[in-house]
Amino acid sequence: FLAMAWYRQAPGKERELVAQIASGGTTSYADSVKGR
């Protein structure tokens, strides 16, 4: 029932979106992690 995601925050950097999955199952990725 949830829209969920993974974020990450490196030292000295802002928190960034890594990947997300909608309640319906659709996924998307940051370009930096796509394919990995």
Full PDB file with SEQRES, HELIX, SHEET, SSBOND, CRYST1, ORIGX, SCALE, CONECT and MASTER records, all heavy atoms in Angstrom:
SEQRES   1 A   36  PHE LEU ALA MET ALA TRP TYR ARG GLN ALA PRO GLY LYS          
SEQRES   2 A   36  GLU ARG GLU LEU VAL ALA GLN ILE ALA SER GLY GLY THR          
SEQRES   3 A   36  THR SER TYR ALA ASP SER VAL LYS GLY ARG                      
SHEET    1 AA1 3 MET A   4  ARG A   8  0                                        
SHEET    2 AA1 3 GLU A  16  ILE A  21 -1                                        
SHEET    3 AA1 3 THR A  27  TYR A  29 -1                                        
CRYST1    1.000    1.000    1.000  90.00  90.00  90.00 P 1           1          
ORIGX1      1.000000  0.000000  0.000000        0.00000                         
ORIGX2      0.000000  1.000000  0.000000        0.00000                         
ORIGX3      0.000000  0.000000  1.000000        0.00000                         
SCALE1      1.000000  0.000000  0.000000        0.00000                         
SCALE2      0.000000  1.000000  0.000000        0.00000                         
SCALE3      0.000000  0.000000  1.000000        0.00000                         
ATOM      1  N   PHE A   1       0.817  -1.220   0.000  1.00  0.00           N  
ATOM      2  CA  PHE A   1       0.000   0.000   0.000  1.00  0.00           C  
ATOM      3  C   PHE A   1       0.847   1.264   0.000  1.00  0.00           C  
ATOM      4  O   PHE A   1       0.314   2.372  -0.068  1.00  0.00           O  
ATOM      5  CB  PHE A   1      -0.907   0.026   1.231  1.00  0.00           C  
ATOM      6  CG  PHE A   1      -1.948  -1.057   1.259  1.00  0.00           C  
ATOM      7  CD1 PHE A   1      -2.483  -1.485   2.463  1.00  0.00           C  
ATOM      8  CD2 PHE A   1      -2.395  -1.641   0.098  1.00  0.00           C  
ATOM      9  CE1 PHE A   1      -3.444  -2.485   2.499  1.00  0.00           C  
ATOM     10  CE2 PHE A   1      -3.350  -2.644   0.112  1.00  0.00           C  
ATOM     11  CZ  PHE A   1      -3.873  -3.067   1.327  1.00  0.00           C  
ATOM     12  N   LEU A   2       2.169   1.116   0.112  1.00  0.00           N  
ATOM     13  CA  LEU A   2       3.062   2.251   0.299  1.00  0.00           C  
ATOM     14  C   LEU A   2       3.842   2.572  -0.970  1.00  0.00           C  
ATOM     15  O   LEU A   2       4.223   1.665  -1.715  1.00  0.00           O  
ATOM     16  CB  LEU A   2       4.062   1.958   1.412  1.00  0.00           C  
ATOM     17  CG  LEU A   2       3.488   1.617   2.788  1.00  0.00           C  
ATOM     18  CD1 LEU A   2       4.609   1.177   3.732  1.00  0.00           C  
ATOM     19  CD2 LEU A   2       2.743   2.800   3.369  1.00  0.00           C  
ATOM     20  N   ALA A   3       4.098   3.834  -1.182  1.00  0.00           N  
ATOM     21  CA  ALA A   3       5.138   4.257  -2.103  1.00  0.00           C  
ATOM     22  C   ALA A   3       6.425   4.280  -1.291  1.00  0.00           C  
ATOM     23  O   ALA A   3       6.478   4.939  -0.253  1.00  0.00           O  
ATOM     24  CB  ALA A   3       4.839   5.632  -2.671  1.00  0.00           C  
ATOM     25  N   MET A   4       7.429   3.558  -1.741  1.00  0.00           N  
ATOM     26  CA  MET A   4       8.639   3.418  -0.941  1.00  0.00           C  
ATOM     27  C   MET A   4       9.876   3.743  -1.771  1.00  0.00           C  
ATOM     28  O   MET A   4       9.837   3.730  -3.004  1.00  0.00           O  
ATOM     29  CB  MET A   4       8.743   1.998  -0.375  1.00  0.00           C  
ATOM     30  CG  MET A   4       7.573   1.622   0.510  1.00  0.00           C  
ATOM     31  SD  MET A   4       7.778   0.024   1.312  1.00  0.00           S  
ATOM     32  CE  MET A   4       9.021   0.438   2.556  1.00  0.00           C  
ATOM     33  N   ALA A   5      10.959   4.011  -1.080  1.00  0.00           N  
ATOM     34  CA  ALA A   5      12.182   4.392  -1.779  1.00  0.00           C  
ATOM     35  C   ALA A   5      13.393   4.163  -0.882  1.00  0.00           C  
ATOM     36  O   ALA A   5      13.268   3.983   0.330  1.00  0.00           O  
ATOM     37  CB  ALA A   5      12.127   5.859  -2.188  1.00  0.00           C  
ATOM     38  N   TRP A   6      14.545   4.165  -1.500  1.00  0.00           N  
ATOM     39  CA  TRP A   6      15.837   4.201  -0.811  1.00  0.00           C  
ATOM     40  C   TRP A   6      16.502   5.535  -1.159  1.00  0.00           C  
ATOM     41  O   TRP A   6      16.585   5.917  -2.333  1.00  0.00           O  
ATOM     42  CB  TRP A   6      16.733   3.060  -1.252  1.00  0.00           C  
ATOM     43  CG  TRP A   6      16.301   1.731  -0.760  1.00  0.00           C  
ATOM     44  CD1 TRP A   6      15.552   0.804  -1.415  1.00  0.00           C  
ATOM     45  CD2 TRP A   6      16.603   1.169   0.530  1.00  0.00           C  
ATOM     46  NE1 TRP A   6      15.351  -0.305  -0.626  1.00  0.00           N  
ATOM     47  CE2 TRP A   6      15.980  -0.108   0.580  1.00  0.00           C  
ATOM     48  CE3 TRP A   6      17.319   1.608   1.638  1.00  0.00           C  
ATOM     49  CZ2 TRP A   6      16.077  -0.942   1.691  1.00  0.00           C  
ATOM     50  CZ3 TRP A   6      17.405   0.785   2.742  1.00  0.00           C  
ATOM     51  CH2 TRP A   6      16.788  -0.477   2.767  1.00  0.00           C  
ATOM     52  N   TYR A   7      16.979   6.205  -0.107  1.00  0.00           N  
ATOM     53  CA  TYR A   7      17.786   7.397  -0.250  1.00  0.00           C  
ATOM     54  C   TYR A   7      19.159   7.107   0.341  1.00  0.00           C  
ATOM     55  O   TYR A   7      19.329   6.149   1.099  1.00  0.00           O  
ATOM     56  CB  TYR A   7      17.169   8.567   0.513  1.00  0.00           C  
ATOM     57  CG  TYR A   7      15.983   9.220  -0.151  1.00  0.00           C  
ATOM     58  CD1 TYR A   7      14.731   8.611  -0.140  1.00  0.00           C  
ATOM     59  CD2 TYR A   7      16.102  10.454  -0.776  1.00  0.00           C  
ATOM     60  CE1 TYR A   7      13.631   9.216  -0.745  1.00  0.00           C  
ATOM     61  CE2 TYR A   7      15.017  11.069  -1.378  1.00  0.00           C  
ATOM     62  CZ  TYR A   7      13.786  10.450  -1.355  1.00  0.00           C  
ATOM     63  OH  TYR A   7      12.699  11.049  -1.951  1.00  0.00           O  
ATOM     64  N   ARG A   8      20.115   7.946   0.023  1.00  0.00           N  
ATOM     65  CA  ARG A   8      21.422   7.840   0.647  1.00  0.00           C  
ATOM     66  C   ARG A   8      21.994   9.231   0.880  1.00  0.00           C  
ATOM     67  O   ARG A   8      21.656  10.184   0.187  1.00  0.00           O  
ATOM     68  CB  ARG A   8      22.380   6.997  -0.189  1.00  0.00           C  
ATOM     69  CG  ARG A   8      22.785   7.626  -1.516  1.00  0.00           C  
ATOM     70  CD  ARG A   8      23.651   6.651  -2.314  1.00  0.00           C  
ATOM     71  NE  ARG A   8      24.079   7.211  -3.595  1.00  0.00           N  
ATOM     72  CZ  ARG A   8      24.725   6.530  -4.542  1.00  0.00           C  
ATOM     73  NH1 ARG A   8      25.023   5.238  -4.336  1.00  0.00           N  
ATOM     74  NH2 ARG A   8      25.070   7.109  -5.668  1.00  0.00           N  
ATOM     75  N   GLN A   9      22.871   9.283   1.886  1.00  0.00           N  
ATOM     76  CA  GLN A   9      23.540  10.536   2.209  1.00  0.00           C  
ATOM     77  C   GLN A   9      25.000  10.250   2.518  1.00  0.00           C  
ATOM     78  O   GLN A   9      25.306   9.533   3.475  1.00  0.00           O  
ATOM     79  CB  GLN A   9      22.871  11.241   3.387  1.00  0.00           C  
ATOM     80  CG  GLN A   9      23.410  12.627   3.647  1.00  0.00           C  
ATOM     81  CD  GLN A   9      22.530  13.416   4.584  1.00  0.00           C  
ATOM     82  OE1 GLN A   9      21.714  12.878   5.312  1.00  0.00           O  
ATOM     83  NE2 GLN A   9      22.676  14.739   4.553  1.00  0.00           N  
ATOM     84  N   ALA A  10      25.867  10.802   1.695  1.00  0.00           N  
ATOM     85  CA  ALA A  10      27.302  10.673   1.900  1.00  0.00           C  
ATOM     86  C   ALA A  10      27.783  11.842   2.755  1.00  0.00           C  
ATOM     87  O   ALA A  10      27.136  12.895   2.807  1.00  0.00           O  
ATOM     88  CB  ALA A  10      28.016  10.661   0.554  1.00  0.00           C  
ATOM     89  N   PRO A  11      28.928  11.676   3.417  1.00  0.00           N  
ATOM     90  CA  PRO A  11      29.449  12.756   4.256  1.00  0.00           C  
ATOM     91  C   PRO A  11      29.615  14.056   3.472  1.00  0.00           C  
ATOM     92  O   PRO A  11      30.195  14.068   2.387  1.00  0.00           O  
ATOM     93  CB  PRO A  11      30.800  12.215   4.719  1.00  0.00           C  
ATOM     94  CG  PRO A  11      30.649  10.737   4.658  1.00  0.00           C  
ATOM     95  CD  PRO A  11      29.762  10.471   3.485  1.00  0.00           C  
ATOM     96  N   GLY A  12      29.067  15.136   4.018  1.00  0.00           N  
ATOM     97  CA  GLY A  12      29.199  16.436   3.385  1.00  0.00           C  
ATOM     98  C   GLY A  12      28.294  16.669   2.200  1.00  0.00           C  
ATOM     99  O   GLY A  12      28.405  17.707   1.537  1.00  0.00           O  
ATOM    100  N   LYS A  13      27.411  15.712   1.919  1.00  0.00           N  
ATOM    101  CA  LYS A  13      26.523  15.840   0.760  1.00  0.00           C  
ATOM    102  C   LYS A  13      25.070  15.795   1.204  1.00  0.00           C  
ATOM    103  O   LYS A  13      24.746  15.330   2.291  1.00  0.00           O  
ATOM    104  CB  LYS A  13      26.804  14.739  -0.256  1.00  0.00           C  
ATOM    105  CG  LYS A  13      28.179  14.826  -0.891  1.00  0.00           C  
ATOM    106  CD  LYS A  13      28.320  13.822  -2.020  1.00  0.00           C  
ATOM    107  CE  LYS A  13      29.667  13.973  -2.718  1.00  0.00           C  
ATOM    108  NZ  LYS A  13      29.804  13.021  -3.856  1.00  0.00           N  
ATOM    109  N   GLU A  14      24.198  16.261   0.334  1.00  0.00           N  
ATOM    110  CA  GLU A  14      22.770  16.209   0.623  1.00  0.00           C  
ATOM    111  C   GLU A  14      22.230  14.798   0.390  1.00  0.00           C  
ATOM    112  O   GLU A  14      22.798  14.018  -0.380  1.00  0.00           O  
ATOM    113  CB  GLU A  14      22.026  17.210  -0.262  1.00  0.00           C  
ATOM    114  CG  GLU A  14      22.344  18.655   0.030  1.00  0.00           C  
ATOM    115  CD  GLU A  14      21.441  19.621  -0.720  1.00  0.00           C  
ATOM    116  OE1 GLU A  14      20.657  19.162  -1.566  1.00  0.00           O  
ATOM    117  OE2 GLU A  14      21.534  20.831  -0.463  1.00  0.00           O  
ATOM    118  N   ARG A  15      21.133  14.513   1.056  1.00  0.00           N  
ATOM    119  CA  ARG A  15      20.476  13.222   0.847  1.00  0.00           C  
ATOM    120  C   ARG A  15      19.929  13.167  -0.572  1.00  0.00           C  
ATOM    121  O   ARG A  15      19.340  14.128  -1.056  1.00  0.00           O  
ATOM    122  CB  ARG A  15      19.349  13.044   1.869  1.00  0.00           C  
ATOM    123  CG  ARG A  15      18.799  11.651   1.961  1.00  0.00           C  
ATOM    124  CD  ARG A  15      17.839  11.506   3.133  1.00  0.00           C  
ATOM    125  NE  ARG A  15      18.506  11.705   4.410  1.00  0.00           N  
ATOM    126  CZ  ARG A  15      17.934  11.464   5.587  1.00  0.00           C  
ATOM    127  NH1 ARG A  15      16.681  11.014   5.635  1.00  0.00           N  
ATOM    128  NH2 ARG A  15      18.588  11.692   6.699  1.00  0.00           N  
ATOM    129  N   GLU A  16      20.120  12.022  -1.224  1.00  0.00           N  
ATOM    130  CA  GLU A  16      19.669  11.879  -2.605  1.00  0.00           C  
ATOM    131  C   GLU A  16      18.849  10.608  -2.783  1.00  0.00           C  
ATOM    132  O   GLU A  16      19.074   9.599  -2.107  1.00  0.00           O  
ATOM    133  CB  GLU A  16      20.864  11.851  -3.569  1.00  0.00           C  
ATOM    134  CG  GLU A  16      21.806  10.683  -3.378  1.00  0.00           C  
ATOM    135  CD  GLU A  16      22.885  10.611  -4.444  1.00  0.00           C  
ATOM    136  OE1 GLU A  16      22.866  11.407  -5.408  1.00  0.00           O  
ATOM    137  OE2 GLU A  16      23.765   9.726  -4.326  1.00  0.00           O  
ATOM    138  N   LEU A  17      17.930  10.683  -3.726  1.00  0.00           N  
ATOM    139  CA  LEU A  17      17.103   9.537  -4.054  1.00  0.00           C  
ATOM    140  C   LEU A  17      17.907   8.529  -4.861  1.00  0.00           C  
ATOM    141  O   LEU A  17      18.554   8.884  -5.847  1.00  0.00           O  
ATOM    142  CB  LEU A  17      15.882   9.989  -4.861  1.00  0.00           C  
ATOM    143  CG  LEU A  17      14.946   8.910  -5.358  1.00  0.00           C  
ATOM    144  CD1 LEU A  17      14.301   8.171  -4.189  1.00  0.00           C  
ATOM    145  CD2 LEU A  17      13.883   9.517  -6.263  1.00  0.00           C  
ATOM    146  N   VAL A  18      17.851   7.279  -4.449  1.00  0.00           N  
ATOM    147  CA  VAL A  18      18.576   6.208  -5.132  1.00  0.00           C  
ATOM    148  C   VAL A  18      17.646   5.401  -6.024  1.00  0.00           C  
ATOM    149  O   VAL A  18      17.931   5.176  -7.200  1.00  0.00           O  
ATOM    150  CB  VAL A  18      19.252   5.277  -4.109  1.00  0.00           C  
ATOM    151  CG1 VAL A  18      19.915   4.092  -4.809  1.00  0.00           C  
ATOM    152  CG2 VAL A  18      20.268   6.040  -3.268  1.00  0.00           C  
ATOM    153  N   ALA A  19      16.529   4.955  -5.440  1.00  0.00           N  
ATOM    154  CA  ALA A  19      15.584   4.122  -6.177  1.00  0.00           C  
ATOM    155  C   ALA A  19      14.234   4.216  -5.488  1.00  0.00           C  
ATOM    156  O   ALA A  19      14.170   4.433  -4.277  1.00  0.00           O  
ATOM    157  CB  ALA A  19      16.049   2.673  -6.227  1.00  0.00           C  
ATOM    158  N   GLN A  20      13.176   4.025  -6.259  1.00  0.00           N  
ATOM    159  CA  GLN A  20      11.839   4.074  -5.688  1.00  0.00           C  
ATOM    160  C   GLN A  20      10.951   3.020  -6.323  1.00  0.00           C  
ATOM    161  O   GLN A  20      11.178   2.609  -7.461  1.00  0.00           O  
ATOM    162  CB  GLN A  20      11.213   5.456  -5.817  1.00  0.00           C  
ATOM    163  CG  GLN A  20      11.163   6.011  -7.219  1.00  0.00           C  
ATOM    164  CD  GLN A  20      10.704   7.468  -7.224  1.00  0.00           C  
ATOM    165  OE1 GLN A  20      10.060   7.941  -6.291  1.00  0.00           O  
ATOM    166  NE2 GLN A  20      11.044   8.182  -8.276  1.00  0.00           N  
ATOM    167  N   ILE A  21       9.952   2.608  -5.554  1.00  0.00           N  
ATOM    168  CA  ILE A  21       8.990   1.632  -6.022  1.00  0.00           C  
ATOM    169  C   ILE A  21       7.598   2.109  -5.613  1.00  0.00           C  
ATOM    170  O   ILE A  21       7.343   2.379  -4.443  1.00  0.00           O  
ATOM    171  CB  ILE A  21       9.313   0.212  -5.488  1.00  0.00           C  
ATOM    172  CG1 ILE A  21       8.330  -0.817  -6.034  1.00  0.00           C  
ATOM    173  CG2 ILE A  21       9.380   0.166  -3.972  1.00  0.00           C  
ATOM    174  CD1 ILE A  21       8.805  -2.267  -5.823  1.00  0.00           C  
ATOM    175  N   ALA A  22       6.738   2.252  -6.590  1.00  0.00           N  
ATOM    176  CA  ALA A  22       5.387   2.721  -6.324  1.00  0.00           C  
ATOM    177  C   ALA A  22       4.540   1.589  -5.746  1.00  0.00           C  
ATOM    178  O   ALA A  22       4.915   0.415  -5.822  1.00  0.00           O  
ATOM    179  CB  ALA A  22       4.763   3.240  -7.613  1.00  0.00           C  
ATOM    180  N   SER A  23       3.401   1.953  -5.182  1.00  0.00           N  
ATOM    181  CA  SER A  23       2.529   0.926  -4.617  1.00  0.00           C  
ATOM    182  C   SER A  23       2.113  -0.080  -5.693  1.00  0.00           C  
ATOM    183  O   SER A  23       1.937  -1.269  -5.397  1.00  0.00           O  
ATOM    184  CB  SER A  23       1.297   1.568  -3.984  1.00  0.00           C  
ATOM    185  OG  SER A  23       0.606   2.372  -4.925  1.00  0.00           O  
ATOM    186  N   GLY A  24       2.030   0.368  -6.932  1.00  0.00           N  
ATOM    187  CA  GLY A  24       1.678  -0.530  -8.020  1.00  0.00           C  
ATOM    188  C   GLY A  24       2.833  -1.361  -8.530  1.00  0.00           C  
ATOM    189  O   GLY A  24       2.639  -2.258  -9.361  1.00  0.00           O  
ATOM    190  N   GLY A  25       4.051  -1.074  -8.032  1.00  0.00           N  
ATOM    191  CA  GLY A  25       5.210  -1.875  -8.391  1.00  0.00           C  
ATOM    192  C   GLY A  25       6.159  -1.244  -9.387  1.00  0.00           C  
ATOM    193  O   GLY A  25       7.236  -1.778  -9.641  1.00  0.00           O  
ATOM    194  N   THR A  26       5.803  -0.107  -9.953  1.00  0.00           N  
ATOM    195  CA  THR A  26       6.693   0.568 -10.895  1.00  0.00           C  
ATOM    196  C   THR A  26       7.949   1.044 -10.180  1.00  0.00           C  
ATOM    197  O   THR A  26       7.868   1.590  -9.079  1.00  0.00           O  
ATOM    198  CB  THR A  26       5.988   1.765 -11.536  1.00  0.00           C  
ATOM    199  OG1 THR A  26       4.797   1.315 -12.193  1.00  0.00           O  
ATOM    200  CG2 THR A  26       6.889   2.441 -12.554  1.00  0.00           C  
ATOM    201  N   THR A  27       9.092   0.828 -10.809  1.00  0.00           N  
ATOM    202  CA  THR A  27      10.366   1.212 -10.203  1.00  0.00           C  
ATOM    203  C   THR A  27      11.081   2.256 -11.050  1.00  0.00           C  
ATOM    204  O   THR A  27      10.865   2.354 -12.265  1.00  0.00           O  
ATOM    205  CB  THR A  27      11.283  -0.002 -10.029  1.00  0.00           C  
ATOM    206  OG1 THR A  27      11.533  -0.580 -11.327  1.00  0.00           O  
ATOM    207  CG2 THR A  27      10.632  -1.047  -9.136  1.00  0.00           C  
ATOM    208  N   SER A  28      11.940   3.021 -10.392  1.00  0.00           N  
ATOM    209  CA  SER A  28      12.807   3.955 -11.096  1.00  0.00           C  
ATOM    210  C   SER A  28      14.082   4.132 -10.299  1.00  0.00           C  
ATOM    211  O   SER A  28      14.109   3.848  -9.089  1.00  0.00           O  
ATOM    212  CB  SER A  28      12.112   5.298 -11.329  1.00  0.00           C  
ATOM    213  OG  SER A  28      11.789   5.911 -10.106  1.00  0.00           O  
ATOM    214  N   TYR A  29      15.138   4.595 -11.001  1.00  0.00           N  
ATOM    215  CA  TYR A  29      16.462   4.646 -10.400  1.00  0.00           C  
ATOM    216  C   TYR A  29      17.175   5.946 -10.752  1.00  0.00           C  
ATOM    217  O   TYR A  29      16.961   6.526 -11.819  1.00  0.00           O  
ATOM    218  CB  TYR A  29      17.306   3.472 -10.909  1.00  0.00           C  
ATOM    219  CG  TYR A  29      16.746   2.135 -10.576  1.00  0.00           C  
ATOM    220  CD1 TYR A  29      15.841   1.502 -11.416  1.00  0.00           C  
ATOM    221  CD2 TYR A  29      17.111   1.488  -9.391  1.00  0.00           C  
ATOM    222  CE1 TYR A  29      15.304   0.264 -11.101  1.00  0.00           C  
ATOM    223  CE2 TYR A  29      16.583   0.254  -9.061  1.00  0.00           C  
ATOM    224  CZ  TYR A  29      15.674  -0.353  -9.924  1.00  0.00           C  
ATOM    225  OH  TYR A  29      15.150  -1.574  -9.596  1.00  0.00           O  
ATOM    226  N   ALA A  30      18.061   6.346  -9.861  1.00  0.00           N  
ATOM    227  CA  ALA A  30      18.978   7.431 -10.181  1.00  0.00           C  
ATOM    228  C   ALA A  30      19.926   6.947 -11.276  1.00  0.00           C  
ATOM    229  O   ALA A  30      20.283   5.765 -11.330  1.00  0.00           O  
ATOM    230  CB  ALA A  30      19.765   7.839  -8.948  1.00  0.00           C  
ATOM    231  N   ASP A  31      20.348   7.865 -12.136  1.00  0.00           N  
ATOM    232  CA  ASP A  31      21.242   7.486 -13.234  1.00  0.00           C  
ATOM    233  C   ASP A  31      22.527   6.846 -12.718  1.00  0.00           C  
ATOM    234  O   ASP A  31      23.091   5.958 -13.360  1.00  0.00           O  
ATOM    235  CB  ASP A  31      21.577   8.714 -14.082  1.00  0.00           C  
ATOM    236  CG  ASP A  31      20.404   9.173 -14.936  1.00  0.00           C  
ATOM    237  OD1 ASP A  31      19.459   8.374 -15.130  1.00  0.00           O  
ATOM    238  OD2 ASP A  31      20.437  10.332 -15.389  1.00  0.00           O  
ATOM    239  N   SER A  32      22.988   7.293 -11.561  1.00  0.00           N  
ATOM    240  CA  SER A  32      24.261   6.817 -11.027  1.00  0.00           C  
ATOM    241  C   SER A  32      24.228   5.352 -10.606  1.00  0.00           C  
ATOM    242  O   SER A  32      25.286   4.731 -10.460  1.00  0.00           O  
ATOM    243  CB  SER A  32      24.692   7.679  -9.833  1.00  0.00           C  
ATOM    244  OG  SER A  32      23.706   7.642  -8.824  1.00  0.00           O  
ATOM    245  N   VAL A  33      23.036   4.786 -10.410  1.00  0.00           N  
ATOM    246  CA  VAL A  33      22.946   3.402  -9.956  1.00  0.00           C  
ATOM    247  C   VAL A  33      22.222   2.502 -10.952  1.00  0.00           C  
ATOM    248  O   VAL A  33      22.150   1.288 -10.755  1.00  0.00           O  
ATOM    249  CB  VAL A  33      22.262   3.300  -8.577  1.00  0.00           C  
ATOM    250  CG1 VAL A  33      22.935   4.213  -7.574  1.00  0.00           C  
ATOM    251  CG2 VAL A  33      20.773   3.612  -8.676  1.00  0.00           C  
ATOM    252  N   LYS A  34      21.709   3.084 -12.021  1.00  0.00           N  
ATOM    253  CA  LYS A  34      20.931   2.323 -12.993  1.00  0.00           C  
ATOM    254  C   LYS A  34      21.783   1.196 -13.566  1.00  0.00           C  
ATOM    255  O   LYS A  34      22.936   1.411 -13.961  1.00  0.00           O  
ATOM    256  CB  LYS A  34      20.446   3.256 -14.093  1.00  0.00           C  
ATOM    257  CG  LYS A  34      19.215   2.785 -14.834  1.00  0.00           C  
ATOM    258  CD  LYS A  34      18.680   3.892 -15.723  1.00  0.00           C  
ATOM    259  CE  LYS A  34      18.112   5.056 -14.937  1.00  0.00           C  
ATOM    260  NZ  LYS A  34      17.500   6.088 -15.825  1.00  0.00           N  
ATOM    261  N   GLY A  35      21.217   0.003 -13.592  1.00  0.00           N  
ATOM    262  CA  GLY A  35      21.940  -1.158 -14.094  1.00  0.00           C  
ATOM    263  C   GLY A  35      22.768  -1.883 -13.050  1.00  0.00           C  
ATOM    264  O   GLY A  35      23.246  -2.987 -13.300  1.00  0.00           O  
ATOM    265  N   ARG A  36      22.945  -1.252 -11.881  1.00  0.00           N  
ATOM    266  CA  ARG A  36      23.734  -1.879 -10.813  1.00  0.00           C  
ATOM    267  C   ARG A  36      22.868  -2.215  -9.593  1.00  0.00           C  
ATOM    268  O   ARG A  36      23.145  -3.198  -8.901  1.00  0.00           O  
ATOM    269  CB  ARG A  36      24.871  -0.948 -10.370  1.00  0.00           C  
ATOM    270  CG  ARG A  36      25.847  -0.607 -11.469  1.00  0.00           C  
ATOM    271  CD  ARG A  36      27.057   0.156 -10.910  1.00  0.00           C  
ATOM    272  NE  ARG A  36      26.690   1.434 -10.322  1.00  0.00           N  
ATOM    273  CZ  ARG A  36      26.974   1.773  -9.064  1.00  0.00           C  
ATOM    274  NH1 ARG A  36      27.609   0.943  -8.267  1.00  0.00           N  
ATOM    275  NH2 ARG A  36      26.616   2.974  -8.608  1.00  0.00           N  
TER     276      ARG A  36                                                      
MASTER        0    0    0    0    3    0    0    6  275    1    0    3          
END                                                                             
